[in-house]
N, C-alpha and C. Protein backbone atom coordinates (compact mmCIF):
# COMPACT_ATOMS: atom_id res chain seq x y z
N MET A 1 9.43 30.16 -2.10
CA MET A 1 10.59 29.71 -1.33
C MET A 1 10.67 30.42 0.01
N PHE A 2 10.51 31.77 0.01
CA PHE A 2 10.60 32.54 1.25
C PHE A 2 9.47 32.16 2.21
N LYS A 3 8.31 31.84 1.65
CA LYS A 3 7.19 31.43 2.48
C LYS A 3 7.50 30.13 3.20
N ARG A 4 8.12 29.20 2.47
CA ARG A 4 8.49 27.92 3.08
C ARG A 4 9.55 28.10 4.16
N LEU A 5 10.56 28.95 3.89
CA LEU A 5 11.59 29.21 4.89
C LEU A 5 11.00 29.86 6.13
N ALA A 6 10.04 30.76 5.93
CA ALA A 6 9.39 31.42 7.06
C ALA A 6 8.62 30.40 7.89
N ALA A 7 7.95 29.48 7.20
CA ALA A 7 7.20 28.45 7.92
C ALA A 7 8.13 27.58 8.75
N GLU A 8 9.29 27.26 8.19
CA GLU A 8 10.27 26.46 8.93
C GLU A 8 10.76 27.22 10.15
N ALA A 9 11.05 28.49 9.98
CA ALA A 9 11.57 29.30 11.08
C ALA A 9 10.55 29.43 12.21
N LEU A 10 9.28 29.49 11.85
CA LEU A 10 8.23 29.64 12.85
C LEU A 10 7.74 28.30 13.41
N GLY A 11 8.22 27.22 12.81
CA GLY A 11 7.85 25.90 13.28
C GLY A 11 6.42 25.50 12.95
N ILE A 12 5.85 26.05 11.86
CA ILE A 12 4.46 25.77 11.53
C ILE A 12 4.33 24.91 10.27
N SER A 13 5.42 24.48 9.70
CA SER A 13 5.35 23.61 8.53
C SER A 13 5.03 22.19 8.99
N ASP A 14 4.77 21.31 8.02
CA ASP A 14 4.38 19.94 8.36
C ASP A 14 5.30 18.94 7.68
N ILE A 15 6.59 19.12 7.88
CA ILE A 15 7.59 18.22 7.31
C ILE A 15 7.77 17.02 8.23
N GLY A 16 7.72 15.84 7.63
CA GLY A 16 7.77 14.62 8.42
C GLY A 16 9.16 14.11 8.69
N VAL A 17 9.23 13.19 9.64
CA VAL A 17 10.46 12.47 9.96
C VAL A 17 10.17 10.98 9.88
N ILE A 18 11.20 10.19 9.71
CA ILE A 18 11.03 8.74 9.67
C ILE A 18 11.28 8.19 11.07
N VAL A 19 10.30 7.48 11.58
CA VAL A 19 10.36 6.93 12.94
C VAL A 19 11.02 5.55 12.89
N GLY A 20 11.96 5.32 13.79
CA GLY A 20 12.66 4.04 13.84
C GLY A 20 11.85 2.96 14.53
N PRO A 21 12.18 1.70 14.30
CA PRO A 21 11.45 0.57 14.88
C PRO A 21 11.34 0.61 16.41
N ALA A 22 12.34 1.16 17.07
CA ALA A 22 12.31 1.21 18.54
C ALA A 22 11.17 2.07 19.07
N ASP A 23 10.65 2.98 18.23
CA ASP A 23 9.59 3.88 18.66
C ASP A 23 8.23 3.59 18.03
N TYR A 24 8.09 2.47 17.35
CA TYR A 24 6.82 2.14 16.73
C TYR A 24 5.68 2.05 17.74
N ASN A 25 6.00 1.58 18.94
CA ASN A 25 4.94 1.42 19.94
C ASN A 25 4.49 2.75 20.55
N LYS A 26 5.12 3.85 20.16
CA LYS A 26 4.77 5.16 20.70
C LYS A 26 3.87 5.97 19.76
N VAL A 27 3.61 5.45 18.55
CA VAL A 27 2.82 6.20 17.57
C VAL A 27 1.36 5.77 17.63
N ASP A 28 0.47 6.65 17.15
CA ASP A 28 -0.95 6.36 17.17
C ASP A 28 -1.31 5.18 16.29
N ALA A 29 -0.64 5.06 15.13
CA ALA A 29 -0.98 4.00 14.17
C ALA A 29 -0.84 2.61 14.77
N ASP A 30 0.03 2.46 15.75
CA ASP A 30 0.26 1.16 16.38
C ASP A 30 -1.02 0.60 16.99
N ASP A 31 -1.92 1.48 17.42
CA ASP A 31 -3.17 1.04 18.05
C ASP A 31 -4.16 0.45 17.05
N TYR A 32 -3.91 0.64 15.76
CA TYR A 32 -4.87 0.22 14.74
C TYR A 32 -4.35 -0.93 13.88
N LEU A 33 -3.28 -1.56 14.32
CA LEU A 33 -2.76 -2.74 13.62
C LEU A 33 -3.64 -3.95 13.87
N PHE A 34 -3.77 -4.81 12.88
CA PHE A 34 -4.40 -6.11 13.06
C PHE A 34 -3.30 -7.10 13.47
N SER A 35 -2.77 -6.87 14.64
CA SER A 35 -1.66 -7.71 15.12
C SER A 35 -2.09 -9.17 15.28
N GLU A 36 -3.40 -9.37 15.51
CA GLU A 36 -3.92 -10.73 15.62
C GLU A 36 -3.75 -11.50 14.31
N ASP A 37 -3.65 -10.77 13.21
CA ASP A 37 -3.48 -11.38 11.89
C ASP A 37 -2.04 -11.31 11.39
N GLY A 38 -1.13 -10.98 12.29
CA GLY A 38 0.28 -10.93 11.91
C GLY A 38 0.71 -9.63 11.28
N GLU A 39 -0.10 -8.57 11.39
CA GLU A 39 0.29 -7.30 10.81
C GLU A 39 1.36 -6.63 11.66
N GLN A 40 2.36 -6.05 11.00
CA GLN A 40 3.43 -5.36 11.69
C GLN A 40 3.92 -4.16 10.88
N ILE A 41 4.47 -3.19 11.56
CA ILE A 41 4.96 -1.98 10.92
C ILE A 41 6.34 -2.23 10.32
N PHE A 42 6.54 -1.75 9.09
CA PHE A 42 7.84 -1.84 8.45
C PHE A 42 8.46 -0.48 8.17
N PHE A 43 7.61 0.55 8.06
CA PHE A 43 8.13 1.89 7.74
C PHE A 43 7.10 2.90 8.21
N LEU A 44 7.57 3.98 8.87
CA LEU A 44 6.62 4.95 9.39
C LEU A 44 7.15 6.37 9.27
N ILE A 45 6.33 7.23 8.68
CA ILE A 45 6.63 8.65 8.54
C ILE A 45 5.68 9.43 9.43
N LYS A 46 6.23 10.32 10.24
CA LYS A 46 5.39 11.09 11.17
C LYS A 46 5.69 12.58 11.02
N SER A 47 4.61 13.34 10.87
CA SER A 47 4.71 14.79 10.87
C SER A 47 3.91 15.33 12.05
N LYS A 48 3.78 16.65 12.13
CA LYS A 48 3.01 17.22 13.24
C LYS A 48 1.55 16.82 13.18
N LYS A 49 1.03 16.68 11.97
CA LYS A 49 -0.39 16.37 11.81
C LYS A 49 -0.68 14.91 11.49
N ASP A 50 0.19 14.27 10.75
CA ASP A 50 -0.12 12.97 10.17
C ASP A 50 0.90 11.88 10.50
N GLU A 51 0.43 10.66 10.37
CA GLU A 51 1.30 9.49 10.39
C GLU A 51 0.98 8.65 9.16
N TYR A 52 2.04 8.19 8.50
CA TYR A 52 1.90 7.31 7.34
C TYR A 52 2.60 6.01 7.71
N CYS A 53 1.81 5.02 8.02
CA CYS A 53 2.33 3.76 8.56
C CYS A 53 2.22 2.66 7.50
N PHE A 54 3.36 2.21 7.00
CA PHE A 54 3.39 1.16 6.00
C PHE A 54 3.59 -0.18 6.71
N THR A 55 2.56 -1.02 6.71
CA THR A 55 2.66 -2.34 7.30
C THR A 55 2.81 -3.37 6.18
N ASN A 56 2.94 -4.62 6.56
CA ASN A 56 3.03 -5.67 5.55
C ASN A 56 1.71 -5.89 4.81
N LEU A 57 0.59 -5.37 5.38
CA LEU A 57 -0.73 -5.59 4.79
C LEU A 57 -1.37 -4.33 4.20
N ALA A 58 -0.99 -3.15 4.69
CA ALA A 58 -1.72 -1.94 4.31
C ALA A 58 -0.93 -0.68 4.63
N LEU A 59 -1.42 0.43 4.09
CA LEU A 59 -0.99 1.75 4.53
C LEU A 59 -2.05 2.25 5.50
N ILE A 60 -1.64 2.61 6.71
CA ILE A 60 -2.53 3.21 7.69
C ILE A 60 -2.18 4.68 7.78
N HIS A 61 -3.14 5.53 7.45
CA HIS A 61 -2.92 6.97 7.48
C HIS A 61 -3.67 7.56 8.66
N VAL A 62 -2.94 8.04 9.64
CA VAL A 62 -3.54 8.77 10.76
C VAL A 62 -3.56 10.23 10.34
N ASP A 63 -4.74 10.70 9.96
CA ASP A 63 -4.91 12.01 9.35
C ASP A 63 -5.37 13.02 10.39
N GLY A 64 -4.53 14.01 10.67
CA GLY A 64 -4.87 15.04 11.64
C GLY A 64 -5.38 16.29 10.98
N ASP A 65 -6.37 16.93 11.59
CA ASP A 65 -6.91 18.19 11.05
C ASP A 65 -5.86 19.29 11.08
N SER A 66 -5.14 19.39 12.19
CA SER A 66 -4.10 20.41 12.34
C SER A 66 -3.13 19.96 13.40
N ALA A 67 -2.03 20.65 13.50
CA ALA A 67 -1.01 20.29 14.48
C ALA A 67 -1.47 20.53 15.90
N VAL A 68 -2.45 21.42 16.10
CA VAL A 68 -2.88 21.77 17.45
C VAL A 68 -4.16 21.06 17.85
N SER A 69 -4.75 20.29 16.94
CA SER A 69 -6.00 19.59 17.24
C SER A 69 -5.71 18.14 17.60
N SER A 70 -6.52 17.58 18.51
CA SER A 70 -6.37 16.18 18.89
C SER A 70 -7.24 15.27 18.03
N LYS A 71 -8.03 15.86 17.15
CA LYS A 71 -8.91 15.08 16.28
C LYS A 71 -8.11 14.34 15.23
N ARG A 72 -8.41 13.05 15.09
CA ARG A 72 -7.70 12.22 14.13
C ARG A 72 -8.70 11.40 13.32
N SER A 73 -8.37 11.17 12.05
CA SER A 73 -9.15 10.29 11.20
C SER A 73 -8.25 9.15 10.76
N ILE A 74 -8.69 7.92 11.00
CA ILE A 74 -7.88 6.75 10.68
C ILE A 74 -8.35 6.17 9.35
N LYS A 75 -7.46 6.15 8.37
CA LYS A 75 -7.79 5.63 7.05
C LYS A 75 -6.87 4.45 6.73
N ARG A 76 -7.48 3.39 6.25
CA ARG A 76 -6.72 2.17 5.96
C ARG A 76 -6.84 1.82 4.48
N TYR A 77 -5.70 1.50 3.87
CA TYR A 77 -5.66 1.14 2.46
C TYR A 77 -4.95 -0.21 2.33
N ASP A 78 -5.71 -1.29 2.24
CA ASP A 78 -5.11 -2.61 2.10
C ASP A 78 -4.52 -2.77 0.71
N TYR A 79 -3.32 -3.35 0.64
CA TYR A 79 -2.66 -3.55 -0.64
C TYR A 79 -3.44 -4.52 -1.54
N SER A 80 -4.23 -5.39 -0.93
CA SER A 80 -4.98 -6.38 -1.71
C SER A 80 -6.12 -5.74 -2.49
N SER A 81 -6.52 -4.53 -2.13
CA SER A 81 -7.66 -3.90 -2.81
C SER A 81 -7.38 -2.47 -3.28
N HIS A 82 -6.16 -1.97 -3.07
CA HIS A 82 -5.81 -0.61 -3.51
C HIS A 82 -4.50 -0.66 -4.31
N GLN A 83 -4.60 -0.30 -5.57
CA GLN A 83 -3.46 -0.36 -6.48
C GLN A 83 -2.51 0.82 -6.25
N ILE A 84 -1.22 0.52 -6.09
CA ILE A 84 -0.19 1.56 -5.94
C ILE A 84 0.37 1.92 -7.31
N THR A 85 0.31 3.21 -7.64
CA THR A 85 0.82 3.69 -8.93
C THR A 85 1.52 5.04 -8.74
N LYS A 86 2.21 5.48 -9.79
CA LYS A 86 2.82 6.81 -9.87
C LYS A 86 3.73 7.12 -8.67
N VAL A 87 4.56 6.16 -8.31
CA VAL A 87 5.49 6.36 -7.19
C VAL A 87 6.67 7.21 -7.66
N SER A 88 6.98 8.25 -6.90
CA SER A 88 8.12 9.09 -7.27
C SER A 88 8.67 9.80 -6.03
N ILE A 89 9.92 10.24 -6.16
CA ILE A 89 10.55 11.07 -5.13
C ILE A 89 10.97 12.37 -5.79
N GLU A 90 10.58 13.47 -5.20
CA GLU A 90 11.01 14.78 -5.68
C GLU A 90 12.08 15.29 -4.73
N THR A 91 13.31 15.33 -5.21
CA THR A 91 14.42 15.68 -4.33
C THR A 91 14.46 17.18 -4.06
N ALA A 92 15.17 17.53 -3.01
CA ALA A 92 15.21 18.92 -2.55
C ALA A 92 16.17 19.76 -3.38
N GLY A 93 15.84 21.05 -3.47
CA GLY A 93 16.77 22.01 -4.04
C GLY A 93 17.80 22.41 -2.99
N THR A 94 18.69 23.29 -3.36
CA THR A 94 19.77 23.70 -2.46
C THR A 94 19.25 24.29 -1.16
N LEU A 95 18.20 25.11 -1.24
CA LEU A 95 17.68 25.77 -0.04
C LEU A 95 16.49 25.05 0.58
N ASP A 96 15.99 24.03 -0.10
CA ASP A 96 14.85 23.30 0.45
C ASP A 96 15.30 22.44 1.63
N MET A 97 14.38 22.24 2.57
CA MET A 97 14.68 21.44 3.74
C MET A 97 13.97 20.09 3.71
N ASP A 98 13.28 19.82 2.59
CA ASP A 98 12.50 18.59 2.54
C ASP A 98 12.58 17.96 1.16
N VAL A 99 12.19 16.67 1.11
CA VAL A 99 11.97 15.96 -0.14
C VAL A 99 10.53 15.44 -0.09
N GLU A 100 10.01 15.07 -1.25
CA GLU A 100 8.62 14.62 -1.30
C GLU A 100 8.53 13.19 -1.83
N LEU A 101 7.77 12.38 -1.11
CA LEU A 101 7.41 11.05 -1.58
C LEU A 101 5.99 11.14 -2.12
N LYS A 102 5.82 10.77 -3.39
CA LYS A 102 4.50 10.87 -4.02
C LYS A 102 4.08 9.50 -4.56
N PHE A 103 2.80 9.21 -4.41
CA PHE A 103 2.24 7.99 -4.98
C PHE A 103 0.72 8.06 -4.94
N ASP A 104 0.09 7.23 -5.73
CA ASP A 104 -1.36 7.12 -5.74
C ASP A 104 -1.78 5.75 -5.23
N LEU A 105 -2.88 5.73 -4.49
CA LEU A 105 -3.55 4.49 -4.12
C LEU A 105 -4.94 4.58 -4.72
N ASP A 106 -5.12 3.94 -5.87
CA ASP A 106 -6.33 4.12 -6.68
C ASP A 106 -6.49 5.61 -6.96
N ALA A 107 -7.62 6.20 -6.57
CA ALA A 107 -7.85 7.62 -6.86
C ALA A 107 -7.28 8.55 -5.80
N GLU A 108 -6.75 8.00 -4.72
CA GLU A 108 -6.21 8.81 -3.63
C GLU A 108 -4.75 9.18 -3.91
N HIS A 109 -4.45 10.47 -3.88
CA HIS A 109 -3.09 10.94 -4.14
C HIS A 109 -2.41 11.32 -2.83
N PHE A 110 -1.16 10.87 -2.68
CA PHE A 110 -0.37 11.19 -1.49
C PHE A 110 0.88 11.97 -1.91
N SER A 111 1.16 13.04 -1.21
CA SER A 111 2.39 13.81 -1.39
C SER A 111 2.89 14.14 0.01
N ILE A 112 3.94 13.44 0.42
CA ILE A 112 4.41 13.51 1.80
C ILE A 112 5.76 14.21 1.85
N ASP A 113 5.84 15.31 2.60
CA ASP A 113 7.09 16.04 2.78
C ASP A 113 7.89 15.43 3.92
N ILE A 114 9.15 15.17 3.67
CA ILE A 114 10.03 14.56 4.68
C ILE A 114 11.35 15.33 4.69
N LYS A 115 11.92 15.47 5.88
CA LYS A 115 13.21 16.14 5.98
C LYS A 115 14.23 15.47 5.07
N LYS A 116 15.00 16.30 4.37
CA LYS A 116 15.89 15.74 3.35
C LYS A 116 17.04 14.92 3.94
N THR A 117 17.25 15.03 5.24
CA THR A 117 18.29 14.19 5.87
C THR A 117 17.91 12.71 5.84
N TYR A 118 16.63 12.41 5.55
CA TYR A 118 16.15 11.02 5.52
C TYR A 118 16.10 10.45 4.10
N ILE A 119 16.79 11.08 3.17
CA ILE A 119 16.68 10.68 1.77
C ILE A 119 17.07 9.22 1.55
N GLU A 120 18.07 8.71 2.25
CA GLU A 120 18.50 7.33 2.03
C GLU A 120 17.43 6.35 2.46
N GLN A 121 16.78 6.61 3.63
CA GLN A 121 15.68 5.74 4.08
C GLN A 121 14.50 5.84 3.13
N LEU A 122 14.30 7.05 2.58
CA LEU A 122 13.18 7.26 1.68
C LEU A 122 13.34 6.44 0.39
N LYS A 123 14.57 6.25 -0.02
CA LYS A 123 14.82 5.42 -1.21
C LYS A 123 14.36 3.98 -0.98
N ASP A 124 14.45 3.53 0.27
CA ASP A 124 14.02 2.17 0.60
C ASP A 124 12.52 1.99 0.39
N ILE A 125 11.72 2.91 0.91
CA ILE A 125 10.26 2.78 0.78
C ILE A 125 9.85 3.01 -0.68
N TYR A 126 10.60 3.84 -1.38
CA TYR A 126 10.36 4.04 -2.81
C TYR A 126 10.47 2.71 -3.56
N LYS A 127 11.55 1.98 -3.30
CA LYS A 127 11.75 0.68 -3.96
C LYS A 127 10.66 -0.32 -3.57
N ALA A 128 10.30 -0.32 -2.30
CA ALA A 128 9.26 -1.25 -1.83
C ALA A 128 7.92 -0.97 -2.49
N LEU A 129 7.53 0.31 -2.58
CA LEU A 129 6.25 0.66 -3.19
C LEU A 129 6.24 0.34 -4.69
N ILE A 130 7.34 0.60 -5.36
CA ILE A 130 7.45 0.26 -6.78
C ILE A 130 7.24 -1.25 -6.97
N THR A 131 7.89 -2.05 -6.13
CA THR A 131 7.81 -3.50 -6.24
C THR A 131 6.40 -4.01 -5.93
N ILE A 132 5.77 -3.45 -4.92
CA ILE A 132 4.39 -3.84 -4.61
C ILE A 132 3.47 -3.53 -5.78
N GLY A 133 3.64 -2.35 -6.38
CA GLY A 133 2.83 -1.97 -7.53
C GLY A 133 2.99 -2.93 -8.69
N LYS A 134 4.22 -3.37 -8.93
CA LYS A 134 4.48 -4.34 -10.01
C LYS A 134 3.75 -5.65 -9.74
N GLN A 135 3.80 -6.13 -8.51
CA GLN A 135 3.14 -7.38 -8.16
C GLN A 135 1.62 -7.24 -8.28
N GLN A 136 1.09 -6.09 -7.87
CA GLN A 136 -0.35 -5.85 -8.00
C GLN A 136 -0.78 -5.89 -9.46
N ARG A 137 0.01 -5.29 -10.34
CA ARG A 137 -0.34 -5.30 -11.76
C ARG A 137 -0.26 -6.72 -12.34
N ARG A 138 0.73 -7.48 -11.89
CA ARG A 138 0.84 -8.87 -12.35
C ARG A 138 -0.36 -9.68 -11.88
N ASP A 139 -0.75 -9.48 -10.63
CA ASP A 139 -1.92 -10.19 -10.10
C ASP A 139 -3.18 -9.83 -10.88
N ALA A 140 -3.32 -8.56 -11.25
CA ALA A 140 -4.50 -8.11 -11.99
C ALA A 140 -4.57 -8.80 -13.35
N VAL A 141 -3.42 -8.97 -14.01
CA VAL A 141 -3.38 -9.67 -15.30
C VAL A 141 -3.79 -11.13 -15.11
N CYS A 142 -3.29 -11.75 -14.06
CA CYS A 142 -3.61 -13.16 -13.79
C CYS A 142 -5.10 -13.34 -13.49
N ARG A 143 -5.68 -12.41 -12.75
CA ARG A 143 -7.12 -12.50 -12.46
C ARG A 143 -7.94 -12.32 -13.74
N ASP A 144 -7.49 -11.42 -14.61
CA ASP A 144 -8.17 -11.23 -15.88
C ASP A 144 -8.09 -12.49 -16.73
N ASN A 145 -6.93 -13.15 -16.70
CA ASN A 145 -6.77 -14.40 -17.45
C ASN A 145 -7.67 -15.50 -16.89
N ALA A 146 -7.86 -15.51 -15.57
CA ALA A 146 -8.74 -16.50 -14.95
C ALA A 146 -10.18 -16.31 -15.42
N LEU A 147 -10.61 -15.07 -15.53
CA LEU A 147 -11.96 -14.79 -16.03
C LEU A 147 -12.10 -15.18 -17.49
N ARG A 148 -11.05 -14.94 -18.26
CA ARG A 148 -11.09 -15.33 -19.67
C ARG A 148 -11.19 -16.85 -19.81
N THR A 149 -10.48 -17.55 -18.93
CA THR A 149 -10.55 -19.01 -18.94
C THR A 149 -11.94 -19.48 -18.59
N LEU A 150 -12.58 -18.82 -17.63
CA LEU A 150 -13.95 -19.18 -17.26
C LEU A 150 -14.90 -18.96 -18.43
N GLU A 151 -14.72 -17.86 -19.15
CA GLU A 151 -15.57 -17.59 -20.31
C GLU A 151 -15.40 -18.67 -21.38
N ALA A 152 -14.16 -19.10 -21.57
CA ALA A 152 -13.91 -20.16 -22.55
C ALA A 152 -14.57 -21.46 -22.12
N THR A 153 -14.51 -21.75 -20.82
CA THR A 153 -15.14 -22.96 -20.29
C THR A 153 -16.65 -22.90 -20.46
N ALA A 154 -17.22 -21.71 -20.23
CA ALA A 154 -18.66 -21.54 -20.40
C ALA A 154 -19.07 -21.80 -21.84
N SER A 155 -18.24 -21.38 -22.78
CA SER A 155 -18.54 -21.61 -24.19
C SER A 155 -18.57 -23.09 -24.51
N VAL A 156 -17.67 -23.84 -23.88
CA VAL A 156 -17.64 -25.29 -24.08
C VAL A 156 -18.94 -25.92 -23.59
N HIS A 157 -19.43 -25.45 -22.44
CA HIS A 157 -20.68 -25.98 -21.89
C HIS A 157 -21.86 -25.68 -22.82
N LYS A 158 -21.85 -24.48 -23.40
CA LYS A 158 -22.94 -24.11 -24.31
C LYS A 158 -23.00 -25.02 -25.52
N LEU A 159 -21.83 -25.51 -25.91
CA LEU A 159 -21.76 -26.41 -27.05
C LEU A 159 -21.97 -27.87 -26.68
N ASN A 160 -22.26 -28.09 -25.37
CA ASN A 160 -22.46 -29.45 -24.85
C ASN A 160 -21.25 -30.35 -25.09
N LEU A 161 -20.07 -29.73 -25.01
CA LEU A 161 -18.85 -30.50 -25.24
C LEU A 161 -18.07 -30.76 -23.95
N ALA A 162 -18.62 -30.32 -22.83
CA ALA A 162 -17.88 -30.45 -21.57
C ALA A 162 -17.76 -31.90 -21.16
N PRO A 163 -16.55 -32.36 -20.87
CA PRO A 163 -16.34 -33.76 -20.47
C PRO A 163 -16.60 -33.94 -18.97
N GLY A 164 -16.59 -35.17 -18.54
CA GLY A 164 -16.65 -35.46 -17.12
C GLY A 164 -18.03 -35.89 -16.67
N ASP A 165 -18.06 -36.51 -15.48
CA ASP A 165 -19.31 -36.99 -14.91
C ASP A 165 -19.81 -36.02 -13.85
N GLY A 166 -21.05 -36.24 -13.43
CA GLY A 166 -21.59 -35.46 -12.32
C GLY A 166 -22.50 -34.34 -12.77
N GLY A 167 -22.54 -34.04 -14.05
CA GLY A 167 -23.45 -33.02 -14.54
C GLY A 167 -22.95 -31.61 -14.33
N LEU A 168 -23.73 -30.68 -14.85
CA LEU A 168 -23.35 -29.28 -14.86
C LEU A 168 -23.23 -28.69 -13.46
N VAL A 169 -24.16 -29.09 -12.57
CA VAL A 169 -24.15 -28.53 -11.22
C VAL A 169 -22.85 -28.86 -10.50
N SER A 170 -22.43 -30.10 -10.60
CA SER A 170 -21.18 -30.52 -9.95
C SER A 170 -19.99 -29.79 -10.53
N GLN A 171 -19.95 -29.67 -11.85
CA GLN A 171 -18.83 -28.98 -12.49
C GLN A 171 -18.83 -27.50 -12.17
N TYR A 172 -20.03 -26.92 -12.06
CA TYR A 172 -20.13 -25.50 -11.70
C TYR A 172 -19.51 -25.26 -10.33
N GLY A 173 -19.79 -26.14 -9.38
CA GLY A 173 -19.23 -25.99 -8.04
C GLY A 173 -17.71 -26.06 -8.06
N GLN A 174 -17.18 -26.98 -8.84
CA GLN A 174 -15.73 -27.12 -8.94
C GLN A 174 -15.10 -25.90 -9.60
N LEU A 175 -15.77 -25.42 -10.65
CA LEU A 175 -15.26 -24.23 -11.34
C LEU A 175 -15.28 -23.01 -10.43
N LEU A 176 -16.36 -22.85 -9.69
CA LEU A 176 -16.49 -21.70 -8.79
C LEU A 176 -15.41 -21.73 -7.71
N ALA A 177 -15.19 -22.90 -7.13
CA ALA A 177 -14.16 -23.03 -6.09
C ALA A 177 -12.79 -22.71 -6.66
N ALA A 178 -12.52 -23.22 -7.86
CA ALA A 178 -11.22 -22.96 -8.49
C ALA A 178 -11.06 -21.48 -8.82
N LEU A 179 -12.14 -20.87 -9.31
CA LEU A 179 -12.07 -19.44 -9.65
C LEU A 179 -11.86 -18.59 -8.41
N ASN A 180 -12.59 -18.89 -7.34
CA ASN A 180 -12.43 -18.13 -6.09
C ASN A 180 -11.01 -18.25 -5.55
N THR A 181 -10.44 -19.44 -5.63
CA THR A 181 -9.07 -19.65 -5.17
C THR A 181 -8.10 -18.83 -6.02
N ALA A 182 -8.31 -18.85 -7.32
CA ALA A 182 -7.42 -18.10 -8.22
C ALA A 182 -7.54 -16.60 -8.01
N MET A 183 -8.77 -16.12 -7.88
CA MET A 183 -9.01 -14.68 -7.79
C MET A 183 -8.66 -14.11 -6.42
N LEU A 184 -9.00 -14.84 -5.36
CA LEU A 184 -8.88 -14.29 -4.00
C LEU A 184 -7.62 -14.71 -3.26
N ASP A 185 -7.02 -15.80 -3.69
CA ASP A 185 -5.85 -16.31 -2.96
C ASP A 185 -4.59 -16.34 -3.84
N THR A 186 -4.61 -17.17 -4.86
CA THR A 186 -3.41 -17.37 -5.67
C THR A 186 -2.92 -16.08 -6.32
N HIS A 187 -3.86 -15.27 -6.84
CA HIS A 187 -3.47 -14.08 -7.60
C HIS A 187 -3.91 -12.77 -6.93
N THR A 188 -4.02 -12.78 -5.61
CA THR A 188 -4.23 -11.55 -4.85
C THR A 188 -3.30 -11.59 -3.64
N LYS A 189 -2.12 -11.05 -3.80
CA LYS A 189 -1.13 -11.05 -2.72
C LYS A 189 -1.57 -10.06 -1.65
N ARG A 190 -1.60 -10.49 -0.42
CA ARG A 190 -2.06 -9.65 0.68
C ARG A 190 -0.92 -9.24 1.62
N ASP A 191 0.02 -10.13 1.80
CA ASP A 191 1.11 -9.90 2.76
C ASP A 191 2.41 -9.65 2.00
N PHE A 192 2.94 -8.44 2.16
CA PHE A 192 4.17 -8.07 1.45
C PHE A 192 5.38 -7.98 2.39
N SER A 193 5.38 -8.83 3.40
CA SER A 193 6.50 -8.86 4.34
C SER A 193 7.82 -9.10 3.62
N ASP A 194 7.79 -9.99 2.62
CA ASP A 194 9.02 -10.31 1.90
C ASP A 194 9.59 -9.11 1.17
N VAL A 195 8.71 -8.29 0.61
CA VAL A 195 9.16 -7.09 -0.12
C VAL A 195 9.77 -6.08 0.85
N PHE A 196 9.08 -5.82 1.96
CA PHE A 196 9.59 -4.85 2.93
C PHE A 196 10.89 -5.34 3.56
N THR A 197 10.98 -6.62 3.86
CA THR A 197 12.21 -7.17 4.45
C THR A 197 13.38 -7.02 3.49
N LYS A 198 13.12 -7.15 2.20
CA LYS A 198 14.18 -7.05 1.19
C LYS A 198 14.70 -5.63 1.04
N TYR A 199 13.79 -4.64 1.09
CA TYR A 199 14.18 -3.29 0.73
C TYR A 199 14.35 -2.31 1.91
N ILE A 200 13.66 -2.56 3.01
CA ILE A 200 13.71 -1.61 4.12
C ILE A 200 14.88 -1.94 5.04
N HIS A 201 15.74 -0.94 5.29
CA HIS A 201 16.94 -1.18 6.09
C HIS A 201 17.04 -0.20 7.26
N ASN A 202 15.91 0.30 7.74
CA ASN A 202 15.98 1.29 8.84
C ASN A 202 16.21 0.63 10.19
């Protein structure tokens, strides 16, 4: 505890703040948006070293080596290919000056310290991440069901019971197109604008 207080007093800690929409164009992450594809920022946490930019399509992490270095590493985690799990908020104690937002993106673990005065805004991103994770899990179940359906269809073909004209090649093409649509479009949500609009009120 005393070490943390000393770090705060000396200004060397890395506690983040939540940046408002009016200042989105002033952050580094703004330069790495796929604005041509309709990507936009919905929530942004900035510390001395890092930026955590939550867009409708991905988390963009501007990772700094240190507060005094200009070196940055840009890491992108698209929601369509990175599962959000283990979302939690660790609230501050009486003497603590920060709260922690924690979550996993596949094997990558994030623990972000934010000034406790932003706790209400932090609850918004907490709800949004929980909801995105739920949708991702639902999509994963649907994709698994699509594969199971394909396996069942393949069994029918093996038994020479498949109906329809055009032969196996024609039916294979139709099945492949339907499977790709189910796996890549229908059951892989990419744009979570609706979720962020519902929960984010900054």
